């Protein structure tokens, strides 16, 4: 979630909002409404992802470079493709938005892999 905060905040937040067509007023309204439930769901989803990395993929048993490569392969085969197709059907496809969103997941997944390799 720290990656997401940085990614959609100071690093690419303004670009993402522009590509998505979200105004500053809409962002302010979303913050005022409260984002706690969204953060909880986000945390749970990433928990499932890290569990799959741990239990099914066994990324923590791989040497560091192989873990990074396996993670990249999983991202390219399953995440980037799904984000790409979802973007196509969004009503206003944007390659920039695809890159911002899909590369966020790549960074999240690689961070998970690094943690699991050194933790496992």
PDB file of N, CA and C in Angstrom:
ATOM      1  N   UNK A   1       0.814  -1.179   0.000  1.00  0.00           N
ATOM      2  CA  UNK A   1       0.000   0.000   0.000  1.00  0.00           C
ATOM      3  C   UNK A   1       0.862   1.248   0.000  1.00  0.00           C
ATOM      4  N   UNK A   2       2.073   1.139   0.508  1.00  0.00           N
ATOM      5  CA  UNK A   2       2.999   2.265   0.468  1.00  0.00           C
ATOM      6  C   UNK A   2       3.345   2.571  -0.983  1.00  0.00           C
ATOM      7  N   UNK A   3       3.540   1.525  -1.772  1.00  0.00           N
ATOM      8  CA  UNK A   3       3.835   1.717  -3.193  1.00  0.00           C
ATOM      9  C   UNK A   3       2.686   2.460  -3.866  1.00  0.00           C
ATOM     10  N   UNK A   4       1.462   2.053  -3.589  1.00  0.00           N
ATOM     11  CA  UNK A   4       0.300   2.709  -4.177  1.00  0.00           C
ATOM     12  C   UNK A   4       0.190   4.164  -3.761  1.00  0.00           C
ATOM     13  N   UNK A   5       0.461   4.439  -2.476  1.00  0.00           N
ATOM     14  CA  UNK A   5       0.430   5.820  -1.991  1.00  0.00           C
ATOM     15  C   UNK A   5       1.432   6.672  -2.757  1.00  0.00           C
ATOM     16  N   UNK A   6       2.655   6.163  -2.900  1.00  0.00           N
ATOM     17  CA  UNK A   6       3.677   6.927  -3.613  1.00  0.00           C
ATOM     18  C   UNK A   6       3.369   7.020  -5.108  1.00  0.00           C
ATOM     19  N   UNK A   7       2.928   5.902  -5.690  1.00  0.00           N
ATOM     20  CA  UNK A   7       2.690   5.830  -7.130  1.00  0.00           C
ATOM     21  C   UNK A   7       1.575   6.776  -7.561  1.00  0.00           C
ATOM     22  N   UNK A   8       0.433   6.664  -6.870  1.00  0.00           N
ATOM     23  CA  UNK A   8      -0.727   7.474  -7.244  1.00  0.00           C
ATOM     24  C   UNK A   8      -0.775   8.794  -6.481  1.00  0.00           C
ATOM     25  N   UNK A   9       0.261   9.075  -5.733  1.00  0.00           N
ATOM     26  CA  UNK A   9       0.376  10.342  -5.014  1.00  0.00           C
ATOM     27  C   UNK A   9       1.438  11.201  -5.660  1.00  0.00           C
ATOM     28  N   UNK A  10       2.585  11.345  -4.987  1.00  0.00           N
ATOM     29  CA  UNK A  10       3.593  12.276  -5.495  1.00  0.00           C
ATOM     30  C   UNK A  10       4.236  11.885  -6.831  1.00  0.00           C
ATOM     31  N   UNK A  11       4.332  10.586  -7.134  1.00  0.00           N
ATOM     32  CA  UNK A  11       5.020  10.196  -8.370  1.00  0.00           C
ATOM     33  C   UNK A  11       4.172  10.398  -9.624  1.00  0.00           C
ATOM     34  N   UNK A  12       2.994   9.793  -9.657  1.00  0.00           N
ATOM     35  CA  UNK A  12       2.181   9.830 -10.873  1.00  0.00           C
ATOM     36  C   UNK A  12       0.726  10.236 -10.620  1.00  0.00           C
ATOM     37  N   UNK A  13       0.428  10.782  -9.448  1.00  0.00           N
ATOM     38  CA  UNK A  13      -0.946  11.123  -9.100  1.00  0.00           C
ATOM     39  C   UNK A  13      -1.585  12.116 -10.046  1.00  0.00           C
ATOM     40  N   UNK A  14      -0.863  13.174 -10.358  1.00  0.00           N
ATOM     41  CA  UNK A  14      -1.415  14.195 -11.245  1.00  0.00           C
ATOM     42  C   UNK A  14      -1.619  13.640 -12.657  1.00  0.00           C
ATOM     43  N   UNK A  15      -0.646  12.894 -13.144  1.00  0.00           N
ATOM     44  CA  UNK A  15      -0.775  12.266 -14.460  1.00  0.00           C
ATOM     45  C   UNK A  15      -1.961  11.309 -14.485  1.00  0.00           C
ATOM     46  N   UNK A  16      -2.092  10.466 -13.451  1.00  0.00           N
ATOM     47  CA  UNK A  16      -3.198   9.512 -13.386  1.00  0.00           C
ATOM     48  C   UNK A  16      -4.540  10.225 -13.379  1.00  0.00           C
ATOM     49  N   UNK A  17      -4.666  11.275 -12.564  1.00  0.00           N
ATOM     50  CA  UNK A  17      -5.925  12.032 -12.515  1.00  0.00           C
ATOM     51  C   UNK A  17      -6.255  12.643 -13.869  1.00  0.00           C
ATOM     52  N   UNK A  18      -5.252  13.180 -14.551  1.00  0.00           N
ATOM     53  CA  UNK A  18      -5.484  13.757 -15.881  1.00  0.00           C
ATOM     54  C   UNK A  18      -5.908  12.690 -16.887  1.00  0.00           C
ATOM     55  N   UNK A  19      -5.225  11.547 -16.873  1.00  0.00           N
ATOM     56  CA  UNK A  19      -5.557  10.471 -17.808  1.00  0.00           C
ATOM     57  C   UNK A  19      -6.933   9.885 -17.510  1.00  0.00           C
ATOM     58  N   UNK A  20      -7.284   9.832 -16.255  1.00  0.00           N
ATOM     59  CA  UNK A  20      -8.560   9.267 -15.819  1.00  0.00           C
ATOM     60  C   UNK A  20      -9.699  10.278 -15.922  1.00  0.00           C
ATOM     61  N   UNK A  21      -9.347  11.550 -15.998  1.00  0.00           N
ATOM     62  CA  UNK A  21     -10.363  12.590 -16.063  1.00  0.00           C
ATOM     63  C   UNK A  21     -10.998  12.892 -14.716  1.00  0.00           C
ATOM     64  N   UNK A  22     -10.230  12.745 -13.647  1.00  0.00           N
ATOM     65  CA  UNK A  22     -10.715  12.991 -12.293  1.00  0.00           C
ATOM     66  C   UNK A  22     -10.296  14.401 -11.888  1.00  0.00           C
ATOM     67  N   UNK A  23     -11.276  15.206 -11.513  1.00  0.00           N
ATOM     68  CA  UNK A  23     -10.985  16.585 -11.108  1.00  0.00           C
ATOM     69  C   UNK A  23     -10.504  16.630  -9.665  1.00  0.00           C
ATOM     70  N   UNK A  24      -9.906  17.759  -9.311  1.00  0.00           N
ATOM     71  CA  UNK A  24      -9.469  17.949  -7.920  1.00  0.00           C
ATOM     72  C   UNK A  24     -10.660  17.904  -6.968  1.00  0.00           C
ATOM     73  N   UNK A  25     -11.800  18.416  -7.412  1.00  0.00           N
ATOM     74  CA  UNK A  25     -13.008  18.398  -6.588  1.00  0.00           C
ATOM     75  C   UNK A  25     -13.474  16.961  -6.333  1.00  0.00           C
ATOM     76  N   UNK A  26     -13.411  16.125  -7.364  1.00  0.00           N
ATOM     77  CA  UNK A  26     -13.798  14.720  -7.199  1.00  0.00           C
ATOM     78  C   UNK A  26     -12.859  14.007  -6.234  1.00  0.00           C
ATOM     79  N   UNK A  27     -11.571  14.306  -6.315  1.00  0.00           N
ATOM     80  CA  UNK A  27     -10.607  13.701  -5.385  1.00  0.00           C
ATOM     81  C   UNK A  27     -10.886  14.157  -3.952  1.00  0.00           C
ATOM     82  N   UNK A  28     -11.183  15.443  -3.802  1.00  0.00           N
ATOM     83  CA  UNK A  28     -11.476  15.967  -2.469  1.00  0.00           C
ATOM     84  C   UNK A  28     -12.737  15.321  -1.902  1.00  0.00           C
ATOM     85  N   UNK A  29     -13.762  15.162  -2.757  1.00  0.00           N
ATOM     86  CA  UNK A  29     -15.018  14.532  -2.314  1.00  0.00           C
ATOM     87  C   UNK A  29     -14.780  13.082  -1.904  1.00  0.00           C
ATOM     88  N   UNK A  30     -13.942  12.370  -2.656  1.00  0.00           N
ATOM     89  CA  UNK A  30     -13.642  10.971  -2.323  1.00  0.00           C
ATOM     90  C   UNK A  30     -12.919  10.885  -0.980  1.00  0.00           C
ATOM     91  N   UNK A  31     -11.989  11.804  -0.743  1.00  0.00           N
ATOM     92  CA  UNK A  31     -11.267  11.810   0.531  1.00  0.00           C
ATOM     93  C   UNK A  31     -12.197  12.133   1.692  1.00  0.00           C
ATOM     94  N   UNK A  32     -13.115  13.078   1.479  1.00  0.00           N
ATOM     95  CA  UNK A  32     -14.053  13.439   2.528  1.00  0.00           C
ATOM     96  C   UNK A  32     -15.025  12.306   2.826  1.00  0.00           C
ATOM     97  N   UNK A  33     -15.380  11.560   1.793  1.00  0.00           N
ATOM     98  CA  UNK A  33     -16.294  10.422   1.960  1.00  0.00           C
ATOM     99  C   UNK A  33     -15.645   9.341   2.816  1.00  0.00           C
ATOM    100  N   UNK A  34     -14.350   9.257   2.730  1.00  0.00           N
ATOM    101  CA  UNK A  34     -13.615   8.255   3.495  1.00  0.00           C
ATOM    102  C   UNK A  34     -13.128   7.128   2.607  1.00  0.00           C
ATOM    103  N   UNK A  35     -11.888   6.795   2.775  1.00  0.00           N
ATOM    104  CA  UNK A  35     -11.273   5.776   1.935  1.00  0.00           C
ATOM    105  C   UNK A  35     -10.891   4.539   2.734  1.00  0.00           C
ATOM    106  N   UNK A  36     -11.276   4.482   3.998  1.00  0.00           N
ATOM    107  CA  UNK A  36     -10.856   3.376   4.868  1.00  0.00           C
ATOM    108  C   UNK A  36     -11.281   2.023   4.308  1.00  0.00           C
ATOM    109  N   UNK A  37     -12.531   1.896   3.878  1.00  0.00           N
ATOM    110  CA  UNK A  37     -13.014   0.608   3.371  1.00  0.00           C
ATOM    111  C   UNK A  37     -12.261   0.213   2.096  1.00  0.00           C
ATOM    112  N   UNK A  38     -11.946   1.165   1.259  1.00  0.00           N
ATOM    113  CA  UNK A  38     -11.170   0.886   0.043  1.00  0.00           C
ATOM    114  C   UNK A  38      -9.780   0.385   0.428  1.00  0.00           C
ATOM    115  N   UNK A  39      -9.147   1.024   1.402  1.00  0.00           N
ATOM    116  CA  UNK A  39      -7.811   0.603   1.837  1.00  0.00           C
ATOM    117  C   UNK A  39      -7.842  -0.796   2.446  1.00  0.00           C
ATOM    118  N   UNK A  40      -8.882  -1.108   3.195  1.00  0.00           N
ATOM    119  CA  UNK A  40      -9.017  -2.450   3.783  1.00  0.00           C
ATOM    120  C   UNK A  40      -9.134  -3.494   2.678  1.00  0.00           C
ATOM    121  N   UNK A  41      -9.986  -3.237   1.692  1.00  0.00           N
ATOM    122  CA  UNK A  41     -10.145  -4.177   0.580  1.00  0.00           C
ATOM    123  C   UNK A  41      -8.851  -4.312  -0.214  1.00  0.00           C
ATOM    124  N   UNK A  42      -8.164  -3.204  -0.405  1.00  0.00           N
ATOM    125  CA  UNK A  42      -6.883  -3.212  -1.103  1.00  0.00           C
ATOM    126  C   UNK A  42      -5.880  -4.082  -0.358  1.00  0.00           C
ATOM    127  N   UNK A  43      -5.797  -3.905   0.951  1.00  0.00           N
ATOM    128  CA  UNK A  43      -4.895  -4.691   1.788  1.00  0.00           C
ATOM    129  C   UNK A  43      -5.215  -6.180   1.682  1.00  0.00           C
ATOM    130  N   UNK A  44      -6.498  -6.527   1.734  1.00  0.00           N
ATOM    131  CA  UNK A  44      -6.905  -7.930   1.619  1.00  0.00           C
ATOM    132  C   UNK A  44      -6.546  -8.511   0.255  1.00  0.00           C
ATOM    133  N   UNK A  45      -6.760  -7.745  -0.801  1.00  0.00           N
ATOM    134  CA  UNK A  45      -6.427  -8.216  -2.146  1.00  0.00           C
ATOM    135  C   UNK A  45      -4.924  -8.471  -2.284  1.00  0.00           C
ATOM    136  N   UNK A  46      -4.117  -7.553  -1.755  1.00  0.00           N
ATOM    137  CA  UNK A  46      -2.666  -7.756  -1.816  1.00  0.00           C
ATOM    138  C   UNK A  46      -2.226  -8.901  -0.907  1.00  0.00           C
ATOM    139  N   UNK A  47      -2.975  -9.135   0.164  1.00  0.00           N
ATOM    140  CA  UNK A  47      -2.697 -10.298   1.005  1.00  0.00           C
ATOM    141  C   UNK A  47      -2.901 -11.588   0.247  1.00  0.00           C
ATOM    142  N   UNK A  48      -3.970 -11.660  -0.530  1.00  0.00           N
ATOM    143  CA  UNK A  48      -4.221 -12.843  -1.369  1.00  0.00           C
ATOM    144  C   UNK A  48      -3.090 -12.997  -2.383  1.00  0.00           C
ATOM    145  N   UNK A  49      -2.705 -11.896  -3.017  1.00  0.00           N
ATOM    146  CA  UNK A  49      -1.635 -11.964  -4.015  1.00  0.00           C
ATOM    147  C   UNK A  49      -0.334 -12.458  -3.401  1.00  0.00           C
ATOM    148  N   UNK A  50       0.025 -11.934  -2.232  1.00  0.00           N
ATOM    149  CA  UNK A  50       1.278 -12.366  -1.615  1.00  0.00           C
ATOM    150  C   UNK A  50       1.197 -13.818  -1.148  1.00  0.00           C
ATOM    151  N   UNK A  51       0.021 -14.252  -0.707  1.00  0.00           N
ATOM    152  CA  UNK A  51      -0.147 -15.662  -0.327  1.00  0.00           C
ATOM    153  C   UNK A  51       0.053 -16.569  -1.543  1.00  0.00           C
ATOM    154  N   UNK A  52      -0.503 -16.199  -2.678  1.00  0.00           N
ATOM    155  CA  UNK A  52      -0.325 -16.998  -3.897  1.00  0.00           C
ATOM    156  C   UNK A  52       1.145 -17.025  -4.290  1.00  0.00           C
ATOM    157  N   UNK A  53       1.824 -15.890  -4.183  1.00  0.00           N
ATOM    158  CA  UNK A  53       3.268 -15.873  -4.441  1.00  0.00           C
ATOM    159  C   UNK A  53       3.983 -16.843  -3.519  1.00  0.00           C
ATOM    160  N   UNK A  54       3.588 -16.845  -2.264  1.00  0.00           N
ATOM    161  CA  UNK A  54       4.239 -17.671  -1.252  1.00  0.00           C
ATOM    162  C   UNK A  54       3.908 -19.150  -1.428  1.00  0.00           C
ATOM    163  N   UNK A  55       2.632 -19.480  -1.516  1.00  0.00           N
ATOM    164  CA  UNK A  55       2.191 -20.869  -1.463  1.00  0.00           C
ATOM    165  C   UNK A  55       2.204 -21.559  -2.820  1.00  0.00           C
ATOM    166  N   UNK A  56       1.699 -20.921  -3.832  1.00  0.00           N
ATOM    167  CA  UNK A  56       1.567 -21.572  -5.138  1.00  0.00           C
ATOM    168  C   UNK A  56       2.826 -21.401  -5.977  1.00  0.00           C
ATOM    169  N   UNK A  57       3.291 -20.172  -6.077  1.00  0.00           N
ATOM    170  CA  UNK A  57       4.460 -19.903  -6.924  1.00  0.00           C
ATOM    171  C   UNK A  57       5.746 -20.295  -6.210  1.00  0.00           C
ATOM    172  N   UNK A  58       5.790 -20.137  -4.905  1.00  0.00           N
ATOM    173  CA  UNK A  58       6.992 -20.475  -4.151  1.00  0.00           C
ATOM    174  C   UNK A  58       8.150 -19.549  -4.457  1.00  0.00           C
ATOM    175  N   UNK A  59       7.839 -18.275  -4.676  1.00  0.00           N
ATOM    176  CA  UNK A  59       8.855 -17.322  -5.094  1.00  0.00           C
ATOM    177  C   UNK A  59       9.989 -17.197  -4.078  1.00  0.00           C
ATOM    178  N   UNK A  60       9.697 -17.467  -2.800  1.00  0.00           N
ATOM    179  CA  UNK A  60      10.733 -17.312  -1.783  1.00  0.00           C
ATOM    180  C   UNK A  60      11.810 -18.392  -1.863  1.00  0.00           C
ATOM    181  N   UNK A  61      11.542 -19.469  -2.622  1.00  0.00           N
ATOM    182  CA  UNK A  61      12.533 -20.525  -2.773  1.00  0.00           C
ATOM    183  C   UNK A  61      13.446 -20.309  -3.973  1.00  0.00           C
ATOM    184  N   UNK A  62      13.160 -19.278  -4.745  1.00  0.00           N
ATOM    185  CA  UNK A  62      13.946 -19.002  -5.948  1.00  0.00           C
ATOM    186  C   UNK A  62      15.113 -18.082  -5.618  1.00  0.00           C
ATOM    187  N   UNK A  63      16.206 -18.208  -6.376  1.00  0.00           N
ATOM    188  CA  UNK A  63      17.261 -17.195  -6.238  1.00  0.00           C
ATOM    189  C   UNK A  63      16.697 -15.828  -6.610  1.00  0.00           C
ATOM    190  N   UNK A  64      17.311 -14.782  -6.113  1.00  0.00           N
ATOM    191  CA  UNK A  64      16.790 -13.428  -6.248  1.00  0.00           C
ATOM    192  C   UNK A  64      16.438 -13.061  -7.693  1.00  0.00           C
ATOM    193  N   UNK A  65      17.367 -13.253  -8.612  1.00  0.00           N
ATOM    194  CA  UNK A  65      17.110 -12.843 -10.004  1.00  0.00           C
ATOM    195  C   UNK A  65      16.011 -13.687 -10.638  1.00  0.00           C
ATOM    196  N   UNK A  66      15.938 -14.969 -10.311  1.00  0.00           N
ATOM    197  CA  UNK A  66      14.861 -15.805 -10.834  1.00  0.00           C
ATOM    198  C   UNK A  66      13.509 -15.392 -10.269  1.00  0.00           C
ATOM    199  N   UNK A  67      13.485 -14.984  -9.011  1.00  0.00           N
ATOM    200  CA  UNK A  67      12.242 -14.508  -8.400  1.00  0.00           C
ATOM    201  C   UNK A  67      11.756 -13.247  -9.112  1.00  0.00           C
ATOM    202  N   UNK A  68      12.681 -12.355  -9.410  1.00  0.00           N
ATOM    203  CA  UNK A  68      12.301 -11.137 -10.132  1.00  0.00           C
ATOM    204  C   UNK A  68      11.790 -11.465 -11.531  1.00  0.00           C
ATOM    205  N   UNK A  69      12.472 -12.382 -12.212  1.00  0.00           N
ATOM    206  CA  UNK A  69      12.047 -12.765 -13.558  1.00  0.00           C
ATOM    207  C   UNK A  69      10.698 -13.484 -13.524  1.00  0.00           C
ATOM    208  N   UNK A  70      10.505 -14.380 -12.580  1.00  0.00           N
ATOM    209  CA  UNK A  70       9.224 -15.086 -12.465  1.00  0.00           C
ATOM    210  C   UNK A  70       8.096 -14.093 -12.185  1.00  0.00           C
ATOM    211  N   UNK A  71       8.358 -13.131 -11.336  1.00  0.00           N
ATOM    212  CA  UNK A  71       7.359 -12.117 -11.023  1.00  0.00           C
ATOM    213  C   UNK A  71       7.031 -11.287 -12.256  1.00  0.00           C
ATOM    214  N   UNK A  72       8.055 -10.885 -12.997  1.00  0.00           N
ATOM    215  CA  UNK A  72       7.822 -10.135 -14.232  1.00  0.00           C
ATOM    216  C   UNK A  72       6.983 -10.963 -15.211  1.00  0.00           C
ATOM    217  N   UNK A  73       7.302 -12.239 -15.328  1.00  0.00           N
ATOM    218  CA  UNK A  73       6.555 -13.115 -16.241  1.00  0.00           C
ATOM    219  C   UNK A  73       5.094 -13.243 -15.825  1.00  0.00           C
ATOM    220  N   UNK A  74       4.850 -13.403 -14.525  1.00  0.00           N
ATOM    221  CA  UNK A  74       3.476 -13.468 -14.027  1.00  0.00           C
ATOM    222  C   UNK A  74       2.737 -12.158 -14.286  1.00  0.00           C
ATOM    223  N   UNK A  75       3.420 -11.051 -14.045  1.00  0.00           N
ATOM    224  CA  UNK A  75       2.812  -9.747 -14.297  1.00  0.00           C
ATOM    225  C   UNK A  75       2.464  -9.601 -15.783  1.00  0.00           C
ATOM    226  N   UNK A  76       3.409  -9.919 -16.650  1.00  0.00           N
ATOM    227  CA  UNK A  76       3.181  -9.760 -18.088  1.00  0.00           C
ATOM    228  C   UNK A  76       2.063 -10.675 -18.579  1.00  0.00           C
ATOM    229  N   UNK A  77       2.054 -11.913 -18.110  1.00  0.00           N
ATOM    230  CA  UNK A  77       1.085 -12.881 -18.593  1.00  0.00           C
ATOM    231  C   UNK A  77      -0.304 -12.727 -18.023  1.00  0.00           C
ATOM    232  N   UNK A  78      -0.419 -12.276 -16.791  1.00  0.00           N
ATOM    233  CA  UNK A  78      -1.727 -12.250 -16.136  1.00  0.00           C
ATOM    234  C   UNK A  78      -2.215 -10.859 -15.766  1.00  0.00           C
ATOM    235  N   UNK A  79      -1.343 -10.013 -15.304  1.00  0.00           N
ATOM    236  CA  UNK A  79      -1.791  -8.702 -14.829  1.00  0.00           C
ATOM    237  C   UNK A  79      -1.824  -7.690 -15.968  1.00  0.00           C
ATOM    238  N   UNK A  80      -0.711  -7.531 -16.669  1.00  0.00           N
ATOM    239  CA  UNK A  80      -0.661  -6.526 -17.742  1.00  0.00           C
ATOM    240  C   UNK A  80      -1.713  -6.809 -18.808  1.00  0.00           C
ATOM    241  N   UNK A  81      -1.913  -8.072 -19.133  1.00  0.00           N
ATOM    242  CA  UNK A  81      -2.906  -8.400 -20.163  1.00  0.00           C
ATOM    243  C   UNK A  81      -4.317  -8.063 -19.698  1.00  0.00           C
ATOM    244  N   UNK A  82      -4.630  -8.355 -18.445  1.00  0.00           N
ATOM    245  CA  UNK A  82      -5.966  -8.058 -17.924  1.00  0.00           C
ATOM    246  C   UNK A  82      -6.181  -6.539 -17.836  1.00  0.00           C
ATOM    247  N   UNK A  83      -5.192  -5.815 -17.347  1.00  0.00           N
ATOM    248  CA  UNK A  83      -5.311  -4.357 -17.262  1.00  0.00           C
ATOM    249  C   UNK A  83      -5.455  -3.773 -18.663  1.00  0.00           C
ATOM    250  N   UNK A  84      -4.723  -4.323 -19.630  1.00  0.00           N
ATOM    251  CA  UNK A  84      -4.800  -3.842 -21.014  1.00  0.00           C
ATOM    252  C   UNK A  84      -6.198  -4.039 -21.597  1.00  0.00           C
ATOM    253  N   UNK A  85      -6.738  -5.245 -21.456  1.00  0.00           N
ATOM    254  CA  UNK A  85      -8.077  -5.526 -21.992  1.00  0.00           C
ATOM    255  C   UNK A  85      -9.130  -4.700 -21.260  1.00  0.00           C
ATOM    256  N   UNK A  86      -9.009  -4.585 -19.948  1.00  0.00           N
ATOM    257  CA  UNK A  86      -9.933  -3.758 -19.187  1.00  0.00           C
ATOM    258  C   UNK A  86      -9.892  -2.314 -19.691  1.00  0.00           C
ATOM    259  N   UNK A  87      -8.701  -1.831 -19.979  1.00  0.00           N
ATOM    260  CA  UNK A  87      -8.524  -0.484 -20.505  1.00  0.00           C
ATOM    261  C   UNK A  87      -9.209  -0.331 -21.872  1.00  0.00           C
ATOM    262  N   UNK A  88      -9.113  -1.362 -22.707  1.00  0.00           N
ATOM    263  CA  UNK A  88      -9.746  -1.296 -24.032  1.00  0.00           C
ATOM    264  C   UNK A  88     -11.255  -1.125 -23.935  1.00  0.00           C
ATOM    265  N   UNK A  89     -11.866  -1.768 -22.950  1.00  0.00           N
ATOM    266  CA  UNK A  89     -13.317  -1.727 -22.795  1.00  0.00           C
ATOM    267  C   UNK A  89     -13.788  -0.619 -21.851  1.00  0.00           C
ATOM    268  N   UNK A  90     -12.908   0.268 -21.457  1.00  0.00           N
ATOM    269  CA  UNK A  90     -13.259   1.297 -20.477  1.00  0.00           C
ATOM    270  C   UNK A  90     -14.097   2.425 -21.046  1.00  0.00           C
ATOM    271  N   UNK A  91     -14.251   2.467 -22.340  1.00  0.00           N
ATOM    272  CA  UNK A  91     -15.005   3.547 -22.954  1.00  0.00           C
ATOM    273  C   UNK A  91     -14.111   4.633 -23.507  1.00  0.00           C
ATOM    274  N   UNK A  92     -12.958   4.806 -22.932  1.00  0.00           N
ATOM    275  CA  UNK A  92     -11.972   5.752 -23.463  1.00  0.00           C
ATOM    276  C   UNK A  92     -10.569   5.203 -23.204  1.00  0.00           C
ATOM    277  N   UNK A  93     -10.174   4.244 -24.028  1.00  0.00           N
ATOM    278  CA  UNK A  93      -8.874   3.605 -23.819  1.00  0.00           C
ATOM    279  C   UNK A  93      -7.720   4.615 -23.905  1.00  0.00           C
ATOM    280  N   UNK A  94      -6.741   4.393 -23.051  1.00  0.00           N
ATOM    281  CA  UNK A  94      -5.580   5.266 -22.986  1.00  0.00           C
ATOM    282  C   UNK A  94      -4.350   4.414 -22.711  1.00  0.00           C
ATOM    283  N   UNK A  95      -3.378   4.472 -23.613  1.00  0.00           N
ATOM    284  CA  UNK A  95      -2.145   3.719 -23.376  1.00  0.00           C
ATOM    285  C   UNK A  95      -1.383   4.288 -22.181  1.00  0.00           C
ATOM    286  N   UNK A  96      -1.489   5.594 -21.974  1.00  0.00           N
ATOM    287  CA  UNK A  96      -0.843   6.200 -20.811  1.00  0.00           C
ATOM    288  C   UNK A  96      -1.417   5.670 -19.513  1.00  0.00           C
ATOM    289  N   UNK A  97      -2.752   5.592 -19.448  1.00  0.00           N
ATOM    290  CA  UNK A  97      -3.404   5.059 -18.244  1.00  0.00           C
ATOM    291  C   UNK A  97      -3.052   3.592 -18.058  1.00  0.00           C
ATOM    292  N   UNK A  98      -3.007   2.840 -19.155  1.00  0.00           N
ATOM    293  CA  UNK A  98      -2.591   1.437 -19.080  1.00  0.00           C
ATOM    294  C   UNK A  98      -1.197   1.335 -18.472  1.00  0.00           C
ATOM    295  N   UNK A  99      -0.268   2.166 -18.937  1.00  0.00           N
ATOM    296  CA  UNK A  99       1.102   2.110 -18.420  1.00  0.00           C
ATOM    297  C   UNK A  99       1.171   2.487 -16.946  1.00  0.00           C
ATOM    298  N   UNK A 100       0.480   3.562 -16.559  1.00  0.00           N
ATOM    299  CA  UNK A 100       0.508   3.976 -15.150  1.00  0.00           C
ATOM    300  C   UNK A 100      -0.045   2.868 -14.261  1.00  0.00           C
ATOM    301  N   UNK A 101      -1.203   2.324 -14.632  1.00  0.00           N
ATOM    302  CA  UNK A 101      -1.845   1.310 -13.788  1.00  0.00           C
ATOM    303  C   UNK A 101      -1.092  -0.017 -13.802  1.00  0.00           C
ATOM    304  N   UNK A 102      -0.708  -0.496 -14.966  1.00  0.00           N
ATOM    305  CA  UNK A 102      -0.079  -1.820 -15.031  1.00  0.00           C
ATOM    306  C   UNK A 102       1.330  -1.803 -14.444  1.00  0.00           C
ATOM    307  N   UNK A 103       2.076  -0.730 -14.664  1.00  0.00           N
ATOM    308  CA  UNK A 103       3.419  -0.673 -14.090  1.00  0.00           C
ATOM    309  C   UNK A 103       3.365  -0.547 -12.569  1.00  0.00           C
ATOM    310  N   UNK A 104       2.292   0.045 -12.046  1.00  0.00           N
ATOM    311  CA  UNK A 104       2.098   0.061 -10.591  1.00  0.00           C
ATOM    312  C   UNK A 104       2.053  -1.362 -10.056  1.00  0.00           C
ATOM    313  N   UNK A 105       1.283  -2.222 -10.733  1.00  0.00           N
ATOM    314  CA  UNK A 105       1.185  -3.610 -10.287  1.00  0.00           C
ATOM    315  C   UNK A 105       2.522  -4.332 -10.422  1.00  0.00           C
ATOM    316  N   UNK A 106       3.279  -4.022 -11.465  1.00  0.00           N
ATOM    317  CA  UNK A 106       4.597  -4.643 -11.603  1.00  0.00           C
ATOM    318  C   UNK A 106       5.477  -4.286 -10.407  1.00  0.00           C
ATOM    319  N   UNK A 107       5.501  -3.016 -10.037  1.00  0.00           N
ATOM    320  CA  UNK A 107       6.321  -2.593  -8.901  1.00  0.00           C
ATOM    321  C   UNK A 107       5.830  -3.265  -7.612  1.00  0.00           C
ATOM    322  N   UNK A 108       4.510  -3.295  -7.404  1.00  0.00           N
ATOM    323  CA  UNK A 108       3.954  -3.943  -6.207  1.00  0.00           C
ATOM    324  C   UNK A 108       4.373  -5.406  -6.155  1.00  0.00           C
ATOM    325  N   UNK A 109       4.241  -6.097  -7.272  1.00  0.00           N
ATOM    326  CA  UNK A 109       4.567  -7.522  -7.306  1.00  0.00           C
ATOM    327  C   UNK A 109       6.056  -7.759  -7.094  1.00  0.00           C
ATOM    328  N   UNK A 110       6.900  -6.915  -7.673  1.00  0.00           N
ATOM    329  CA  UNK A 110       8.343  -7.079  -7.488  1.00  0.00           C
ATOM    330  C   UNK A 110       8.738  -6.811  -6.033  1.00  0.00           C
ATOM    331  N   UNK A 111       8.104  -5.829  -5.413  1.00  0.00           N
ATOM    332  CA  UNK A 111       8.373  -5.564  -3.990  1.00  0.00           C
ATOM    333  C   UNK A 111       7.968  -6.779  -3.158  1.00  0.00           C
ATOM    334  N   UNK A 112       6.807  -7.369  -3.468  1.00  0.00           N
ATOM    335  CA  UNK A 112       6.378  -8.577  -2.759  1.00  0.00           C
ATOM    336  C   UNK A 112       7.402  -9.692  -2.927  1.00  0.00           C
ATOM    337  N   UNK A 113       7.880  -9.862  -4.151  1.00  0.00           N
ATOM    338  CA  UNK A 113       8.860 -10.918  -4.416  1.00  0.00           C
ATOM    339  C   UNK A 113      10.131 -10.696  -3.607  1.00  0.00           C
ATOM    340  N   UNK A 114      10.619  -9.467  -3.578  1.00  0.00           N
ATOM    341  CA  UNK A 114      11.827  -9.147  -2.818  1.00  0.00           C
ATOM    342  C   UNK A 114      11.621  -9.455  -1.338  1.00  0.00           C
ATOM    343  N   UNK A 115      10.495  -9.032  -0.800  1.00  0.00           N
ATOM    344  CA  UNK A 115      10.204  -9.292   0.616  1.00  0.00           C
ATOM    345  C   UNK A 115      10.144 -10.790   0.880  1.00  0.00           C
ATOM    346  N   UNK A 116       9.468 -11.530   0.008  1.00  0.00           N
ATOM    347  CA  UNK A 116       9.337 -12.976   0.231  1.00  0.00           C
ATOM    348  C   UNK A 116      10.659 -13.698   0.083  1.00  0.00           C
ATOM    349  N   UNK A 117      11.493 -13.283  -0.859  1.00  0.00           N
ATOM    350  CA  UNK A 117      12.806 -13.927  -1.026  1.00  0.00           C
ATOM    351  C   UNK A 117      13.662 -13.721   0.229  1.00  0.00           C
ATOM    352  N   UNK A 118      13.670 -12.509   0.738  1.00  0.00           N
ATOM    353  CA  UNK A 118      14.499 -12.237   1.917  1.00  0.00           C
ATOM    354  C   UNK A 118      13.859 -12.675   3.218  1.00  0.00           C
ATOM    355  N   UNK A 119      12.544 -12.779   3.240  1.00  0.00           N
ATOM    356  CA  UNK A 119      11.834 -13.209   4.427  1.00  0.00           C
ATOM    357  C   UNK A 119      11.786 -14.727   4.495  1.00  0.00           C
ATOM    358  N   UNK A 120      11.585 -15.350   3.326  1.00  0.00           N
ATOM    359  CA  UNK A 120      11.430 -16.797   3.259  1.00  0.00           C
ATOM    360  C   UNK A 120      12.719 -17.485   3.370  1.00  0.00           C
TER     361      UNK A 120
END
